[in-house]
Amino acid sequence: MSIGGVITAIIFGAIIGALARLLVPGKQHMPIWLTILVGIVAAFIGTWIAHLLNLKTHGFNFWETIFQIVVAIIGVLIVTALWPKHANR
């Protein structure tokens, strides 16, 4: 993976993670770096799922993006349940 691919993954991960946080109801007590990390992991897993289902994985793919967002929502829900609400206590 080139440096451009890494930068693209970080930017796309931030977008996917932020979108997932917007779609999950309530307040999520997680830092922005964790949102980006959840988004990056979700982007890779969503692409992998689309690849397993033999969907096109180059360029924009509607179903691949849906898988990525759904995985990111699941990731945000898991992190919200496990991340301490008050880390400074």
N, C-alpha and C. Protein backbone atom coordinates (compact mmCIF):
# COMPACT_ATOMS: atom_id res chain seq x y z
N MET A 1 0.85 -1.17 0.00
CA MET A 1 0.00 0.00 0.00
C MET A 1 0.89 1.23 0.00
N SER A 2 0.59 2.18 -0.86
CA SER A 2 1.39 3.39 -0.98
C SER A 2 0.98 4.39 0.10
N ILE A 3 1.76 5.45 0.25
CA ILE A 3 1.45 6.49 1.23
C ILE A 3 0.13 7.17 0.89
N GLY A 4 -0.16 7.29 -0.39
CA GLY A 4 -1.45 7.85 -0.81
C GLY A 4 -2.60 6.96 -0.38
N GLY A 5 -2.40 5.65 -0.45
CA GLY A 5 -3.43 4.70 -0.02
C GLY A 5 -3.67 4.78 1.47
N VAL A 6 -2.60 4.97 2.24
CA VAL A 6 -2.72 5.09 3.69
C VAL A 6 -3.48 6.36 4.05
N ILE A 7 -3.12 7.46 3.40
CA ILE A 7 -3.81 8.74 3.66
C ILE A 7 -5.28 8.64 3.28
N THR A 8 -5.57 8.01 2.14
CA THR A 8 -6.95 7.82 1.72
C THR A 8 -7.71 6.96 2.72
N ALA A 9 -7.08 5.91 3.24
CA ALA A 9 -7.72 5.04 4.23
C ALA A 9 -8.05 5.81 5.50
N ILE A 10 -7.15 6.69 5.93
CA ILE A 10 -7.39 7.49 7.13
C ILE A 10 -8.55 8.46 6.91
N ILE A 11 -8.55 9.14 5.77
CA ILE A 11 -9.62 10.10 5.48
C ILE A 11 -10.96 9.39 5.34
N PHE A 12 -10.98 8.31 4.57
CA PHE A 12 -12.22 7.56 4.37
C PHE A 12 -12.67 6.92 5.69
N GLY A 13 -11.73 6.46 6.50
CA GLY A 13 -12.05 5.91 7.80
C GLY A 13 -12.68 6.94 8.71
N ALA A 14 -12.16 8.16 8.67
CA ALA A 14 -12.74 9.23 9.48
C ALA A 14 -14.17 9.54 9.05
N ILE A 15 -14.40 9.54 7.74
CA ILE A 15 -15.75 9.80 7.23
C ILE A 15 -16.71 8.69 7.62
N ILE A 16 -16.30 7.44 7.40
CA ILE A 16 -17.14 6.29 7.73
C ILE A 16 -17.41 6.25 9.24
N GLY A 17 -16.39 6.48 10.06
CA GLY A 17 -16.55 6.47 11.51
C GLY A 17 -17.47 7.58 11.99
N ALA A 18 -17.30 8.78 11.43
CA ALA A 18 -18.16 9.91 11.81
C ALA A 18 -19.60 9.66 11.40
N LEU A 19 -19.80 9.11 10.22
CA LEU A 19 -21.14 8.79 9.75
C LEU A 19 -21.79 7.75 10.66
N ALA A 20 -21.02 6.75 11.07
CA ALA A 20 -21.55 5.73 11.97
C ALA A 20 -21.95 6.35 13.31
N ARG A 21 -21.14 7.27 13.82
CA ARG A 21 -21.48 7.91 15.09
C ARG A 21 -22.73 8.77 14.96
N LEU A 22 -22.93 9.36 13.80
CA LEU A 22 -24.15 10.14 13.57
C LEU A 22 -25.39 9.25 13.53
N LEU A 23 -25.23 8.05 13.01
CA LEU A 23 -26.37 7.14 12.86
C LEU A 23 -26.71 6.37 14.13
N VAL A 24 -25.76 6.29 15.07
CA VAL A 24 -26.02 5.60 16.34
C VAL A 24 -26.68 6.61 17.28
N PRO A 25 -27.85 6.27 17.82
CA PRO A 25 -28.54 7.23 18.71
C PRO A 25 -27.80 7.40 20.04
N GLY A 26 -27.97 8.57 20.62
CA GLY A 26 -27.37 8.86 21.91
C GLY A 26 -25.96 9.40 21.79
N LYS A 27 -25.37 9.69 22.95
CA LYS A 27 -24.01 10.23 22.98
C LYS A 27 -23.01 9.09 23.12
N GLN A 28 -21.99 9.13 22.30
CA GLN A 28 -20.93 8.13 22.37
C GLN A 28 -19.72 8.77 23.04
N HIS A 29 -19.24 8.12 24.09
CA HIS A 29 -18.08 8.62 24.83
C HIS A 29 -16.83 7.93 24.30
N MET A 30 -16.36 8.40 23.14
CA MET A 30 -15.14 7.83 22.56
C MET A 30 -14.38 8.94 21.87
N PRO A 31 -13.06 8.90 21.95
CA PRO A 31 -12.25 9.96 21.33
C PRO A 31 -12.26 9.87 19.80
N ILE A 32 -11.89 10.96 19.16
CA ILE A 32 -11.91 11.04 17.70
C ILE A 32 -10.95 10.03 17.08
N TRP A 33 -9.81 9.78 17.72
CA TRP A 33 -8.86 8.81 17.14
C TRP A 33 -9.47 7.42 17.10
N LEU A 34 -10.31 7.10 18.08
CA LEU A 34 -10.96 5.80 18.10
C LEU A 34 -12.07 5.73 17.05
N THR A 35 -12.73 6.86 16.81
CA THR A 35 -13.72 6.92 15.73
C THR A 35 -13.06 6.65 14.39
N ILE A 36 -11.91 7.27 14.15
CA ILE A 36 -11.17 7.07 12.90
C ILE A 36 -10.72 5.62 12.78
N LEU A 37 -10.22 5.06 13.88
CA LEU A 37 -9.76 3.67 13.86
C LEU A 37 -10.91 2.71 13.56
N VAL A 38 -12.06 2.92 14.19
CA VAL A 38 -13.24 2.09 13.92
C VAL A 38 -13.63 2.22 12.45
N GLY A 39 -13.58 3.43 11.91
CA GLY A 39 -13.92 3.65 10.51
C GLY A 39 -12.96 2.96 9.55
N ILE A 40 -11.67 3.01 9.86
CA ILE A 40 -10.67 2.35 9.01
C ILE A 40 -10.87 0.85 9.01
N VAL A 41 -11.04 0.27 10.20
CA VAL A 41 -11.25 -1.17 10.31
C VAL A 41 -12.54 -1.56 9.59
N ALA A 42 -13.59 -0.76 9.76
CA ALA A 42 -14.87 -1.05 9.10
C ALA A 42 -14.74 -0.97 7.58
N ALA A 43 -13.94 -0.03 7.09
CA ALA A 43 -13.75 0.08 5.65
C ALA A 43 -13.09 -1.18 5.09
N PHE A 44 -12.08 -1.68 5.79
CA PHE A 44 -11.41 -2.90 5.33
C PHE A 44 -12.33 -4.11 5.42
N ILE A 45 -13.07 -4.24 6.53
CA ILE A 45 -13.97 -5.38 6.68
C ILE A 45 -15.11 -5.31 5.67
N GLY A 46 -15.67 -4.13 5.45
CA GLY A 46 -16.74 -3.97 4.46
C GLY A 46 -16.28 -4.32 3.06
N THR A 47 -15.07 -3.92 2.71
CA THR A 47 -14.51 -4.28 1.41
C THR A 47 -14.31 -5.78 1.31
N TRP A 48 -13.84 -6.40 2.39
CA TRP A 48 -13.63 -7.85 2.42
C TRP A 48 -14.95 -8.58 2.23
N ILE A 49 -16.02 -8.12 2.89
CA ILE A 49 -17.34 -8.74 2.73
C ILE A 49 -17.81 -8.62 1.29
N ALA A 50 -17.66 -7.44 0.71
CA ALA A 50 -18.06 -7.24 -0.68
C ALA A 50 -17.27 -8.15 -1.61
N HIS A 51 -15.99 -8.33 -1.31
CA HIS A 51 -15.15 -9.22 -2.12
C HIS A 51 -15.61 -10.67 -1.99
N LEU A 52 -15.97 -11.08 -0.77
CA LEU A 52 -16.47 -12.45 -0.55
C LEU A 52 -17.76 -12.71 -1.34
N LEU A 53 -18.58 -11.67 -1.48
CA LEU A 53 -19.84 -11.81 -2.21
C LEU A 53 -19.69 -11.56 -3.71
N ASN A 54 -18.44 -11.46 -4.16
CA ASN A 54 -18.11 -11.24 -5.58
C ASN A 54 -18.71 -9.96 -6.14
N LEU A 55 -18.78 -8.92 -5.30
CA LEU A 55 -19.20 -7.61 -5.78
C LEU A 55 -17.97 -6.86 -6.26
N LYS A 56 -18.18 -5.92 -7.16
CA LYS A 56 -17.07 -5.11 -7.67
C LYS A 56 -16.45 -4.33 -6.51
N THR A 57 -15.14 -4.37 -6.37
CA THR A 57 -14.47 -3.68 -5.26
C THR A 57 -13.52 -2.59 -5.74
N HIS A 58 -13.62 -2.16 -6.99
CA HIS A 58 -12.80 -1.06 -7.50
C HIS A 58 -13.71 0.12 -7.79
N GLY A 59 -13.26 1.32 -7.44
CA GLY A 59 -14.10 2.49 -7.65
C GLY A 59 -15.23 2.53 -6.64
N PHE A 60 -16.23 3.37 -6.90
CA PHE A 60 -17.36 3.48 -5.98
C PHE A 60 -18.30 2.30 -6.16
N ASN A 61 -18.66 1.68 -5.05
CA ASN A 61 -19.58 0.56 -5.06
C ASN A 61 -20.59 0.79 -3.95
N PHE A 62 -21.86 0.90 -4.31
CA PHE A 62 -22.93 1.19 -3.35
C PHE A 62 -22.97 0.15 -2.24
N TRP A 63 -22.98 -1.12 -2.59
CA TRP A 63 -23.11 -2.17 -1.59
C TRP A 63 -21.89 -2.26 -0.69
N GLU A 64 -20.73 -2.06 -1.26
CA GLU A 64 -19.50 -2.07 -0.45
C GLU A 64 -19.57 -0.96 0.60
N THR A 65 -20.02 0.22 0.20
CA THR A 65 -20.15 1.34 1.13
C THR A 65 -21.18 1.04 2.21
N ILE A 66 -22.29 0.42 1.85
CA ILE A 66 -23.30 0.04 2.83
C ILE A 66 -22.72 -0.93 3.85
N PHE A 67 -21.97 -1.94 3.37
CA PHE A 67 -21.33 -2.89 4.28
C PHE A 67 -20.38 -2.16 5.23
N GLN A 68 -19.60 -1.23 4.71
CA GLN A 68 -18.64 -0.49 5.52
C GLN A 68 -19.35 0.32 6.60
N ILE A 69 -20.44 0.96 6.24
CA ILE A 69 -21.18 1.77 7.22
C ILE A 69 -21.82 0.88 8.29
N VAL A 70 -22.40 -0.24 7.88
CA VAL A 70 -23.02 -1.16 8.84
C VAL A 70 -21.97 -1.71 9.81
N VAL A 71 -20.82 -2.09 9.29
CA VAL A 71 -19.75 -2.60 10.16
C VAL A 71 -19.26 -1.48 11.09
N ALA A 72 -19.19 -0.26 10.60
CA ALA A 72 -18.77 0.86 11.44
C ALA A 72 -19.79 1.13 12.55
N ILE A 73 -21.07 1.02 12.23
CA ILE A 73 -22.12 1.20 13.25
C ILE A 73 -21.97 0.13 14.33
N ILE A 74 -21.75 -1.10 13.92
CA ILE A 74 -21.55 -2.19 14.89
C ILE A 74 -20.30 -1.90 15.73
N GLY A 75 -19.24 -1.43 15.08
CA GLY A 75 -18.01 -1.09 15.81
C GLY A 75 -18.23 0.03 16.81
N VAL A 76 -18.97 1.07 16.44
CA VAL A 76 -19.25 2.17 17.36
C VAL A 76 -20.07 1.67 18.54
N LEU A 77 -21.05 0.81 18.27
CA LEU A 77 -21.86 0.27 19.36
C LEU A 77 -21.02 -0.56 20.33
N ILE A 78 -20.10 -1.36 19.80
CA ILE A 78 -19.23 -2.18 20.65
C ILE A 78 -18.29 -1.29 21.47
N VAL A 79 -17.66 -0.33 20.82
CA VAL A 79 -16.73 0.55 21.53
C VAL A 79 -17.47 1.37 22.57
N THR A 80 -18.66 1.87 22.24
CA THR A 80 -19.43 2.65 23.20
C THR A 80 -19.78 1.82 24.44
N ALA A 81 -20.08 0.55 24.23
CA ALA A 81 -20.41 -0.33 25.36
C ALA A 81 -19.19 -0.64 26.22
N LEU A 82 -18.01 -0.71 25.60
CA LEU A 82 -16.81 -1.11 26.32
C LEU A 82 -15.96 0.05 26.82
N TRP A 83 -16.04 1.22 26.17
CA TRP A 83 -15.19 2.37 26.52
C TRP A 83 -15.73 3.02 27.78
N PRO A 84 -14.85 3.35 28.75
CA PRO A 84 -15.34 3.97 29.99
C PRO A 84 -15.96 5.34 29.72
N LYS A 85 -17.08 5.60 30.37
CA LYS A 85 -17.77 6.87 30.17
C LYS A 85 -17.02 8.04 30.80
N HIS A 86 -16.38 7.77 31.91
CA HIS A 86 -15.62 8.81 32.61
C HIS A 86 -14.22 8.30 32.87
N ALA A 87 -13.33 8.49 31.91
CA ALA A 87 -11.97 7.95 32.00
C ALA A 87 -11.15 8.63 33.10
N ASN A 88 -11.54 9.84 33.50
CA ASN A 88 -10.75 10.59 34.48
C ASN A 88 -11.15 10.27 35.92
N ARG A 89 -12.15 9.48 36.16
CA ARG A 89 -12.58 9.16 37.53
C ARG A 89 -11.72 8.14 38.18
